[in-house]
Amino acid sequence: MNILKASEVNPDTAVINATIKSFDSRAMTEASLIKELKLYHSIFGSTFYTDAIEYATSFPNPFGGKPFPSTTTTRITGYSKTKDRYTVSVDQTIDNLDTKEFLQQMNKSVSATISDSTLNTAAEALRSWKTNDTSLFEVISATGWITHLVFNRTVTSPGKKSEEIWEIKMKQ
């Protein structure tokens, strides 16, 4: 792993290096490896409607501390009577968060030494980021089994857009 000294980097790189260093921990590695399992099981036991239902939720903070406040909207977006399947949409948007507090927690968790001015610059840059997770679940009505899951995480910042898309499909 190539981690640069704080004097050699701009504020964005310092934050990125601290994030990379955080994956040296067992907890962060495990959390990143089980996200598909957690998502796949996330809708079990829930009730869904054709009208959108919006409610306050939270998004886990990978560095400990308070979770991020978020808003989740769920609804049934489609139904196929011939296939006996319905589609559930789950949309989670992270609300504006206290980015400085988040960066301080990250800084502490990785034992990094990021200067206050770098922390303030990075916090201001992060404040403009928007994170949205959209999941589409195709479910067999009779059994509740998920046959197809598509996950899309979109992170946008001024002039940049990053997407993570993956899919789980039940073998027929």
N, C-alpha and C. Protein backbone atom coordinates (compact mmCIF):
# COMPACT_ATOMS: atom_id res chain seq x y z
N MET A 1 0.85 -1.16 0.00
CA MET A 1 0.00 0.00 0.00
C MET A 1 0.90 1.23 0.00
N ASN A 2 0.59 2.17 -0.90
CA ASN A 2 1.39 3.37 -1.04
C ASN A 2 0.68 4.54 -0.39
N ILE A 3 1.04 4.88 0.83
CA ILE A 3 0.43 6.00 1.53
C ILE A 3 1.45 7.13 1.58
N LEU A 4 1.02 8.28 1.05
CA LEU A 4 1.92 9.42 0.97
C LEU A 4 1.92 10.21 2.27
N LYS A 5 2.96 10.96 2.50
CA LYS A 5 3.03 11.84 3.66
C LYS A 5 2.08 13.02 3.45
N ALA A 6 1.52 13.54 4.53
CA ALA A 6 0.55 14.63 4.45
C ALA A 6 1.12 15.84 3.71
N SER A 7 2.40 16.08 3.85
CA SER A 7 3.00 17.24 3.19
C SER A 7 3.08 17.07 1.67
N GLU A 8 2.94 15.84 1.18
CA GLU A 8 3.06 15.57 -0.25
C GLU A 8 1.72 15.56 -0.98
N VAL A 9 0.63 15.74 -0.26
CA VAL A 9 -0.67 15.55 -0.89
C VAL A 9 -1.61 16.74 -0.66
N ASN A 10 -2.64 16.79 -1.50
CA ASN A 10 -3.68 17.78 -1.28
C ASN A 10 -4.71 17.19 -0.30
N PRO A 11 -5.68 17.98 0.16
CA PRO A 11 -6.64 17.49 1.17
C PRO A 11 -7.42 16.25 0.71
N ASP A 12 -7.81 16.20 -0.57
CA ASP A 12 -8.57 15.04 -1.06
C ASP A 12 -7.74 13.76 -0.93
N THR A 13 -6.47 13.83 -1.28
CA THR A 13 -5.61 12.65 -1.22
C THR A 13 -5.38 12.22 0.21
N ALA A 14 -5.27 13.17 1.13
CA ALA A 14 -5.09 12.82 2.55
C ALA A 14 -6.29 12.03 3.06
N VAL A 15 -7.48 12.45 2.69
CA VAL A 15 -8.69 11.74 3.12
C VAL A 15 -8.74 10.36 2.47
N ILE A 16 -8.40 10.28 1.20
CA ILE A 16 -8.41 8.99 0.50
C ILE A 16 -7.40 8.04 1.13
N ASN A 17 -6.19 8.53 1.44
CA ASN A 17 -5.18 7.68 2.09
C ASN A 17 -5.66 7.17 3.44
N ALA A 18 -6.34 8.03 4.21
CA ALA A 18 -6.87 7.60 5.51
C ALA A 18 -7.94 6.54 5.32
N THR A 19 -8.76 6.68 4.29
CA THR A 19 -9.79 5.69 4.01
C THR A 19 -9.16 4.36 3.63
N ILE A 20 -8.16 4.39 2.77
CA ILE A 20 -7.46 3.16 2.36
C ILE A 20 -6.85 2.48 3.58
N LYS A 21 -6.23 3.27 4.45
CA LYS A 21 -5.61 2.71 5.65
C LYS A 21 -6.63 2.03 6.54
N SER A 22 -7.87 2.54 6.54
CA SER A 22 -8.90 1.96 7.40
C SER A 22 -9.20 0.51 7.04
N PHE A 23 -8.96 0.11 5.79
CA PHE A 23 -9.23 -1.26 5.39
C PHE A 23 -8.16 -2.23 5.88
N ASP A 24 -7.17 -1.72 6.60
CA ASP A 24 -6.20 -2.60 7.25
C ASP A 24 -6.82 -3.30 8.45
N SER A 25 -7.99 -2.84 8.88
CA SER A 25 -8.62 -3.44 10.05
C SER A 25 -9.51 -4.61 9.64
N ARG A 26 -9.59 -5.58 10.49
CA ARG A 26 -10.41 -6.76 10.24
C ARG A 26 -11.90 -6.39 10.14
N ALA A 27 -12.36 -5.50 11.01
CA ALA A 27 -13.78 -5.11 11.03
C ALA A 27 -14.20 -4.48 9.72
N MET A 28 -13.38 -3.57 9.19
CA MET A 28 -13.73 -2.91 7.93
C MET A 28 -13.72 -3.91 6.77
N THR A 29 -12.76 -4.80 6.76
CA THR A 29 -12.70 -5.79 5.68
C THR A 29 -13.92 -6.70 5.73
N GLU A 30 -14.27 -7.19 6.92
CA GLU A 30 -15.46 -8.05 7.05
C GLU A 30 -16.72 -7.32 6.64
N ALA A 31 -16.86 -6.07 7.06
CA ALA A 31 -18.06 -5.29 6.72
C ALA A 31 -18.20 -5.11 5.22
N SER A 32 -17.09 -4.93 4.54
CA SER A 32 -17.16 -4.73 3.09
C SER A 32 -17.44 -6.03 2.35
N LEU A 33 -17.14 -7.17 2.96
CA LEU A 33 -17.34 -8.46 2.28
C LEU A 33 -18.73 -9.05 2.48
N ILE A 34 -19.47 -8.59 3.47
CA ILE A 34 -20.79 -9.19 3.69
C ILE A 34 -21.94 -8.27 3.26
N LYS A 35 -21.64 -7.19 2.58
CA LYS A 35 -22.69 -6.24 2.21
C LYS A 35 -23.75 -6.88 1.31
N GLU A 36 -23.35 -7.78 0.41
CA GLU A 36 -24.32 -8.43 -0.47
C GLU A 36 -25.29 -9.29 0.33
N LEU A 37 -24.78 -10.02 1.31
CA LEU A 37 -25.65 -10.86 2.14
C LEU A 37 -26.62 -10.00 2.95
N LYS A 38 -26.12 -8.92 3.51
CA LYS A 38 -26.98 -8.03 4.30
C LYS A 38 -28.08 -7.44 3.42
N LEU A 39 -27.71 -7.01 2.22
CA LEU A 39 -28.71 -6.42 1.33
C LEU A 39 -29.74 -7.47 0.91
N TYR A 40 -29.29 -8.65 0.54
CA TYR A 40 -30.20 -9.70 0.07
C TYR A 40 -31.26 -10.00 1.12
N HIS A 41 -30.89 -10.01 2.37
CA HIS A 41 -31.83 -10.35 3.44
C HIS A 41 -32.58 -9.13 4.02
N SER A 42 -32.28 -7.94 3.53
CA SER A 42 -32.81 -6.72 4.13
C SER A 42 -34.33 -6.56 4.01
N ILE A 43 -34.96 -7.16 3.00
CA ILE A 43 -36.40 -6.94 2.84
C ILE A 43 -37.26 -8.01 3.51
N PHE A 44 -36.64 -9.08 3.98
CA PHE A 44 -37.43 -10.15 4.60
C PHE A 44 -38.15 -9.64 5.84
N GLY A 45 -39.42 -10.00 5.96
CA GLY A 45 -40.22 -9.60 7.10
C GLY A 45 -40.88 -8.25 6.95
N SER A 46 -40.67 -7.59 5.83
CA SER A 46 -41.25 -6.26 5.61
C SER A 46 -42.54 -6.37 4.80
N THR A 47 -43.36 -5.34 4.90
CA THR A 47 -44.59 -5.24 4.11
C THR A 47 -44.41 -4.08 3.14
N PHE A 48 -44.82 -4.30 1.90
CA PHE A 48 -44.66 -3.28 0.87
C PHE A 48 -46.00 -2.94 0.24
N TYR A 49 -46.09 -1.71 -0.27
CA TYR A 49 -47.33 -1.21 -0.86
C TYR A 49 -47.01 -0.60 -2.21
N THR A 50 -48.07 -0.39 -3.01
CA THR A 50 -47.87 0.24 -4.31
C THR A 50 -47.63 1.73 -4.17
N ASP A 51 -48.13 2.33 -3.10
CA ASP A 51 -47.82 3.73 -2.81
C ASP A 51 -46.45 3.80 -2.14
N ALA A 52 -45.69 4.81 -2.47
CA ALA A 52 -44.36 4.98 -1.87
C ALA A 52 -44.51 5.31 -0.38
N ILE A 53 -43.73 4.61 0.43
CA ILE A 53 -43.68 4.86 1.87
C ILE A 53 -42.28 5.39 2.17
N GLU A 54 -42.22 6.57 2.79
CA GLU A 54 -40.94 7.19 3.11
C GLU A 54 -40.77 7.24 4.62
N TYR A 55 -39.58 6.89 5.10
CA TYR A 55 -39.33 6.91 6.53
C TYR A 55 -37.86 7.20 6.81
N ALA A 56 -37.62 7.68 8.01
CA ALA A 56 -36.25 8.00 8.44
C ALA A 56 -35.53 6.72 8.81
N THR A 57 -34.32 6.58 8.33
CA THR A 57 -33.48 5.42 8.64
C THR A 57 -32.07 5.92 8.94
N SER A 58 -31.16 5.00 9.08
CA SER A 58 -29.76 5.40 9.27
C SER A 58 -28.88 4.49 8.43
N PHE A 59 -27.72 5.02 8.11
CA PHE A 59 -26.72 4.32 7.31
C PHE A 59 -25.53 4.10 8.22
N PRO A 60 -25.05 2.86 8.36
CA PRO A 60 -23.97 2.60 9.31
C PRO A 60 -22.71 3.42 9.00
N ASN A 61 -22.08 3.89 10.04
CA ASN A 61 -20.83 4.62 9.91
C ASN A 61 -19.70 3.59 10.00
N PRO A 62 -18.95 3.40 8.93
CA PRO A 62 -17.90 2.37 8.94
C PRO A 62 -16.77 2.64 9.91
N PHE A 63 -16.70 3.86 10.45
CA PHE A 63 -15.61 4.21 11.36
C PHE A 63 -16.08 4.29 12.80
N GLY A 64 -17.28 3.80 13.07
CA GLY A 64 -17.83 3.86 14.41
C GLY A 64 -18.52 5.18 14.62
N GLY A 65 -18.98 5.40 15.81
CA GLY A 65 -19.68 6.65 16.08
C GLY A 65 -21.12 6.60 15.59
N LYS A 66 -21.72 7.79 15.53
CA LYS A 66 -23.12 7.87 15.14
C LYS A 66 -23.32 7.44 13.69
N PRO A 67 -24.40 6.70 13.43
CA PRO A 67 -24.71 6.36 12.03
C PRO A 67 -25.17 7.63 11.29
N PHE A 68 -25.13 7.58 9.98
CA PHE A 68 -25.55 8.72 9.18
C PHE A 68 -27.07 8.71 9.04
N PRO A 69 -27.72 9.84 9.25
CA PRO A 69 -29.17 9.88 9.03
C PRO A 69 -29.46 9.73 7.54
N SER A 70 -30.53 9.03 7.22
CA SER A 70 -30.90 8.85 5.82
C SER A 70 -32.42 8.74 5.72
N THR A 71 -32.89 8.80 4.49
CA THR A 71 -34.30 8.64 4.20
C THR A 71 -34.45 7.46 3.25
N THR A 72 -35.37 6.56 3.56
CA THR A 72 -35.62 5.39 2.72
C THR A 72 -37.05 5.44 2.21
N THR A 73 -37.20 5.13 0.94
CA THR A 73 -38.50 5.05 0.31
C THR A 73 -38.67 3.65 -0.27
N THR A 74 -39.78 3.00 0.06
CA THR A 74 -40.05 1.66 -0.47
C THR A 74 -41.40 1.67 -1.18
N ARG A 75 -41.50 0.82 -2.20
CA ARG A 75 -42.78 0.64 -2.86
C ARG A 75 -42.71 -0.53 -3.84
N ILE A 76 -43.86 -1.06 -4.15
CA ILE A 76 -43.96 -2.09 -5.19
C ILE A 76 -44.06 -1.34 -6.52
N THR A 77 -43.14 -1.65 -7.42
CA THR A 77 -43.11 -0.92 -8.70
C THR A 77 -43.65 -1.75 -9.86
N GLY A 78 -43.88 -3.03 -9.64
CA GLY A 78 -44.40 -3.86 -10.73
C GLY A 78 -44.92 -5.18 -10.22
N TYR A 79 -45.83 -5.78 -11.02
CA TYR A 79 -46.38 -7.09 -10.68
C TYR A 79 -46.67 -7.85 -11.96
N SER A 80 -46.25 -9.09 -12.02
CA SER A 80 -46.54 -9.95 -13.16
C SER A 80 -47.39 -11.11 -12.66
N LYS A 81 -48.67 -11.10 -13.04
CA LYS A 81 -49.58 -12.16 -12.61
C LYS A 81 -49.19 -13.50 -13.25
N THR A 82 -48.73 -13.46 -14.51
CA THR A 82 -48.36 -14.71 -15.19
C THR A 82 -47.11 -15.34 -14.58
N LYS A 83 -46.18 -14.54 -14.11
CA LYS A 83 -44.96 -15.07 -13.48
C LYS A 83 -45.10 -15.20 -11.97
N ASP A 84 -46.20 -14.65 -11.40
CA ASP A 84 -46.42 -14.63 -9.95
C ASP A 84 -45.25 -13.95 -9.23
N ARG A 85 -44.85 -12.80 -9.77
CA ARG A 85 -43.72 -12.06 -9.19
C ARG A 85 -44.04 -10.58 -9.10
N TYR A 86 -43.47 -9.95 -8.09
CA TYR A 86 -43.58 -8.50 -7.97
C TYR A 86 -42.19 -7.92 -7.77
N THR A 87 -42.08 -6.64 -8.06
CA THR A 87 -40.81 -5.93 -7.92
C THR A 87 -40.93 -4.88 -6.83
N VAL A 88 -39.98 -4.91 -5.91
CA VAL A 88 -39.93 -3.94 -4.82
C VAL A 88 -38.73 -3.01 -5.07
N SER A 89 -38.98 -1.72 -4.94
CA SER A 89 -37.92 -0.73 -5.05
C SER A 89 -37.62 -0.18 -3.66
N VAL A 90 -36.34 -0.17 -3.29
CA VAL A 90 -35.91 0.41 -2.02
C VAL A 90 -34.86 1.47 -2.36
N ASP A 91 -35.15 2.71 -2.00
CA ASP A 91 -34.29 3.82 -2.34
C ASP A 91 -33.85 4.50 -1.04
N GLN A 92 -32.53 4.54 -0.78
CA GLN A 92 -32.01 5.15 0.44
C GLN A 92 -31.08 6.29 0.07
N THR A 93 -31.36 7.48 0.61
CA THR A 93 -30.53 8.65 0.37
C THR A 93 -29.96 9.13 1.69
N ILE A 94 -28.64 9.27 1.73
CA ILE A 94 -28.00 9.76 2.95
C ILE A 94 -28.25 11.26 3.04
N ASP A 95 -28.79 11.70 4.18
CA ASP A 95 -29.06 13.11 4.40
C ASP A 95 -27.74 13.86 4.57
N ASN A 96 -27.80 15.18 4.46
CA ASN A 96 -26.59 15.97 4.71
C ASN A 96 -26.09 15.64 6.09
N LEU A 97 -24.82 15.34 6.18
CA LEU A 97 -24.28 14.93 7.47
C LEU A 97 -23.23 15.91 7.95
N ASP A 98 -22.91 15.78 9.20
CA ASP A 98 -21.85 16.59 9.78
C ASP A 98 -20.53 16.00 9.30
N THR A 99 -20.06 16.48 8.16
CA THR A 99 -18.89 15.89 7.53
C THR A 99 -17.63 16.04 8.38
N LYS A 100 -17.53 17.13 9.10
CA LYS A 100 -16.33 17.33 9.92
C LYS A 100 -16.27 16.28 11.02
N GLU A 101 -17.43 16.01 11.65
CA GLU A 101 -17.47 14.98 12.70
C GLU A 101 -17.12 13.61 12.11
N PHE A 102 -17.65 13.32 10.93
CA PHE A 102 -17.36 12.05 10.27
C PHE A 102 -15.86 11.91 10.00
N LEU A 103 -15.24 12.96 9.46
CA LEU A 103 -13.81 12.90 9.15
C LEU A 103 -12.98 12.78 10.43
N GLN A 104 -13.41 13.43 11.50
CA GLN A 104 -12.69 13.31 12.77
C GLN A 104 -12.76 11.87 13.28
N GLN A 105 -13.93 11.23 13.15
CA GLN A 105 -14.06 9.83 13.57
C GLN A 105 -13.16 8.94 12.72
N MET A 106 -13.16 9.19 11.39
CA MET A 106 -12.32 8.40 10.50
C MET A 106 -10.85 8.60 10.85
N ASN A 107 -10.46 9.85 11.06
CA ASN A 107 -9.09 10.20 11.41
C ASN A 107 -8.66 9.46 12.67
N LYS A 108 -9.54 9.44 13.68
CA LYS A 108 -9.25 8.77 14.95
C LYS A 108 -9.17 7.26 14.77
N SER A 109 -10.09 6.70 13.96
CA SER A 109 -10.14 5.23 13.82
C SER A 109 -8.93 4.67 13.10
N VAL A 110 -8.30 5.47 12.24
CA VAL A 110 -7.12 4.97 11.52
C VAL A 110 -5.83 5.54 12.09
N SER A 111 -5.95 6.23 13.21
CA SER A 111 -4.78 6.83 13.88
C SER A 111 -3.97 7.69 12.92
N ALA A 112 -4.68 8.42 12.07
CA ALA A 112 -4.00 9.31 11.13
C ALA A 112 -3.83 10.68 11.76
N THR A 113 -2.93 11.46 11.21
CA THR A 113 -2.75 12.81 11.70
C THR A 113 -2.99 13.76 10.52
N ILE A 114 -4.24 14.15 10.37
CA ILE A 114 -4.61 15.10 9.33
C ILE A 114 -4.79 16.45 10.02
N SER A 115 -4.17 17.46 9.47
CA SER A 115 -4.22 18.79 10.09
C SER A 115 -5.65 19.32 10.08
N ASP A 116 -5.92 20.28 10.99
CA ASP A 116 -7.25 20.89 11.07
C ASP A 116 -7.63 21.59 9.77
N SER A 117 -6.68 22.27 9.14
CA SER A 117 -7.00 22.97 7.89
C SER A 117 -7.36 21.97 6.79
N THR A 118 -6.64 20.86 6.71
CA THR A 118 -6.96 19.82 5.73
C THR A 118 -8.31 19.21 6.04
N LEU A 119 -8.57 18.97 7.33
CA LEU A 119 -9.85 18.42 7.76
C LEU A 119 -11.00 19.35 7.38
N ASN A 120 -10.84 20.65 7.61
CA ASN A 120 -11.87 21.62 7.25
C ASN A 120 -12.11 21.67 5.74
N THR A 121 -11.04 21.64 4.96
CA THR A 121 -11.16 21.66 3.50
C THR A 121 -11.87 20.41 3.01
N ALA A 122 -11.48 19.27 3.55
CA ALA A 122 -12.10 18.01 3.14
C ALA A 122 -13.56 17.96 3.57
N ALA A 123 -13.87 18.45 4.76
CA ALA A 123 -15.25 18.47 5.25
C ALA A 123 -16.13 19.32 4.35
N GLU A 124 -15.61 20.45 3.93
CA GLU A 124 -16.37 21.33 3.02
C GLU A 124 -16.61 20.63 1.68
N ALA A 125 -15.62 19.94 1.17
CA ALA A 125 -15.78 19.21 -0.11
C ALA A 125 -16.81 18.08 0.03
N LEU A 126 -16.75 17.34 1.14
CA LEU A 126 -17.68 16.23 1.35
C LEU A 126 -19.12 16.69 1.53
N ARG A 127 -19.31 17.89 2.02
CA ARG A 127 -20.65 18.41 2.26
C ARG A 127 -21.48 18.46 0.97
N SER A 128 -20.82 18.60 -0.16
CA SER A 128 -21.54 18.70 -1.44
C SER A 128 -21.81 17.32 -2.06
N TRP A 129 -21.30 16.26 -1.47
CA TRP A 129 -21.51 14.91 -2.01
C TRP A 129 -22.94 14.46 -1.74
N LYS A 130 -23.49 13.72 -2.67
CA LYS A 130 -24.82 13.12 -2.52
C LYS A 130 -24.65 11.61 -2.73
N THR A 131 -25.18 10.83 -1.80
CA THR A 131 -25.08 9.37 -1.90
C THR A 131 -26.48 8.79 -1.92
N ASN A 132 -26.74 7.92 -2.90
CA ASN A 132 -28.04 7.30 -3.05
C ASN A 132 -27.87 5.83 -3.39
N ASP A 133 -28.58 4.97 -2.67
CA ASP A 133 -28.60 3.53 -2.96
C ASP A 133 -30.00 3.17 -3.46
N THR A 134 -30.06 2.50 -4.60
CA THR A 134 -31.33 2.01 -5.13
C THR A 134 -31.21 0.51 -5.32
N SER A 135 -32.17 -0.22 -4.77
CA SER A 135 -32.20 -1.67 -4.92
C SER A 135 -33.54 -2.08 -5.49
N LEU A 136 -33.49 -2.96 -6.47
CA LEU A 136 -34.71 -3.53 -7.05
C LEU A 136 -34.71 -5.03 -6.78
N PHE A 137 -35.76 -5.51 -6.13
CA PHE A 137 -35.89 -6.91 -5.77
C PHE A 137 -37.05 -7.51 -6.57
N GLU A 138 -36.81 -8.58 -7.30
CA GLU A 138 -37.91 -9.32 -7.92
C GLU A 138 -38.20 -10.50 -7.01
N VAL A 139 -39.46 -10.61 -6.56
CA VAL A 139 -39.83 -11.57 -5.53
C VAL A 139 -40.96 -12.47 -6.02
N ILE A 140 -40.85 -13.77 -5.75
CA ILE A 140 -41.94 -14.71 -6.05
C ILE A 140 -43.03 -14.49 -5.01
N SER A 141 -44.24 -14.18 -5.47
CA SER A 141 -45.34 -13.86 -4.56
C SER A 141 -45.66 -15.01 -3.61
N ALA A 142 -45.72 -16.22 -4.13
CA ALA A 142 -46.15 -17.37 -3.33
C ALA A 142 -45.16 -17.74 -2.23
N THR A 143 -43.86 -17.54 -2.47
CA THR A 143 -42.85 -18.00 -1.51
C THR A 143 -42.10 -16.88 -0.81
N GLY A 144 -42.04 -15.69 -1.42
CA GLY A 144 -41.24 -14.60 -0.86
C GLY A 144 -39.77 -14.69 -1.23
N TRP A 145 -39.41 -15.66 -2.08
CA TRP A 145 -38.01 -15.82 -2.49
C TRP A 145 -37.63 -14.73 -3.48
N ILE A 146 -36.45 -14.21 -3.32
CA ILE A 146 -35.92 -13.20 -4.24
C ILE A 146 -35.28 -13.92 -5.42
N THR A 147 -35.74 -13.59 -6.63
CA THR A 147 -35.19 -14.23 -7.82
C THR A 147 -34.17 -13.36 -8.53
N HIS A 148 -34.24 -12.05 -8.29
CA HIS A 148 -33.34 -11.14 -8.98
C HIS A 148 -33.19 -9.87 -8.12
N LEU A 149 -31.97 -9.44 -7.95
CA LEU A 149 -31.67 -8.24 -7.16
C LEU A 149 -30.66 -7.41 -7.93
N VAL A 150 -30.99 -6.14 -8.11
CA VAL A 150 -30.05 -5.20 -8.74
C VAL A 150 -29.82 -4.07 -7.75
N PHE A 151 -28.56 -3.80 -7.46
CA PHE A 151 -28.17 -2.74 -6.52
C PHE A 151 -27.38 -1.68 -7.28
N ASN A 152 -27.68 -0.41 -7.02
CA ASN A 152 -26.96 0.69 -7.65
C ASN A 152 -26.68 1.76 -6.61
N ARG A 153 -25.41 2.01 -6.32
CA ARG A 153 -25.00 3.11 -5.44
C ARG A 153 -24.42 4.21 -6.33
N THR A 154 -24.95 5.41 -6.16
CA THR A 154 -24.48 6.56 -6.92
C THR A 154 -23.99 7.61 -5.94
N VAL A 155 -22.76 8.06 -6.15
CA VAL A 155 -22.19 9.15 -5.35
C VAL A 155 -21.85 10.27 -6.33
N THR A 156 -22.43 11.43 -6.10
CA THR A 156 -22.14 12.57 -6.96
C THR A 156 -21.54 13.70 -6.14
N SER A 157 -20.61 14.37 -6.77
CA SER A 157 -20.01 15.57 -6.20
C SER A 157 -19.86 16.53 -7.37
N PRO A 158 -19.58 17.78 -7.12
CA PRO A 158 -19.48 18.72 -8.24
C PRO A 158 -18.51 18.23 -9.32
N GLY A 159 -19.06 18.00 -10.50
CA GLY A 159 -18.24 17.58 -11.63
C GLY A 159 -17.87 16.12 -11.68
N LYS A 160 -18.33 15.31 -10.71
CA LYS A 160 -17.96 13.90 -10.68
C LYS A 160 -19.17 13.04 -10.35
N LYS A 161 -19.17 11.82 -10.90
CA LYS A 161 -20.22 10.86 -10.57
C LYS A 161 -19.58 9.48 -10.53
N SER A 162 -19.86 8.76 -9.46
CA SER A 162 -19.32 7.41 -9.30
C SER A 162 -20.50 6.46 -9.07
N GLU A 163 -20.46 5.31 -9.74
CA GLU A 163 -21.52 4.33 -9.57
C GLU A 163 -20.94 2.96 -9.27
N GLU A 164 -21.63 2.25 -8.40
CA GLU A 164 -21.31 0.86 -8.12
C GLU A 164 -22.61 0.10 -8.42
N ILE A 165 -22.55 -0.83 -9.36
CA ILE A 165 -23.74 -1.58 -9.75
C ILE A 165 -23.40 -3.06 -9.69
N TRP A 166 -24.28 -3.83 -9.07
CA TRP A 166 -24.11 -5.28 -9.09
C TRP A 166 -25.46 -5.95 -9.03
N GLU A 167 -25.44 -7.23 -9.37
CA GLU A 167 -26.69 -7.97 -9.52
C GLU A 167 -26.52 -9.38 -8.99
N ILE A 168 -27.60 -9.86 -8.38
CA ILE A 168 -27.67 -11.25 -7.91
C ILE A 168 -28.88 -11.86 -8.59
N LYS A 169 -28.69 -12.99 -9.23
CA LYS A 169 -29.78 -13.63 -9.95
C LYS A 169 -29.87 -15.09 -9.54
N MET A 170 -31.11 -15.53 -9.22
CA MET A 170 -31.32 -16.92 -8.84
C MET A 170 -31.23 -17.79 -10.08
N LYS A 171 -30.45 -18.84 -9.97
CA LYS A 171 -30.30 -19.76 -11.09
C LYS A 171 -31.62 -20.50 -11.30
N GLN A 172 -32.10 -20.53 -12.51
CA GLN A 172 -33.38 -21.17 -12.82
C GLN A 172 -33.20 -22.66 -13.08
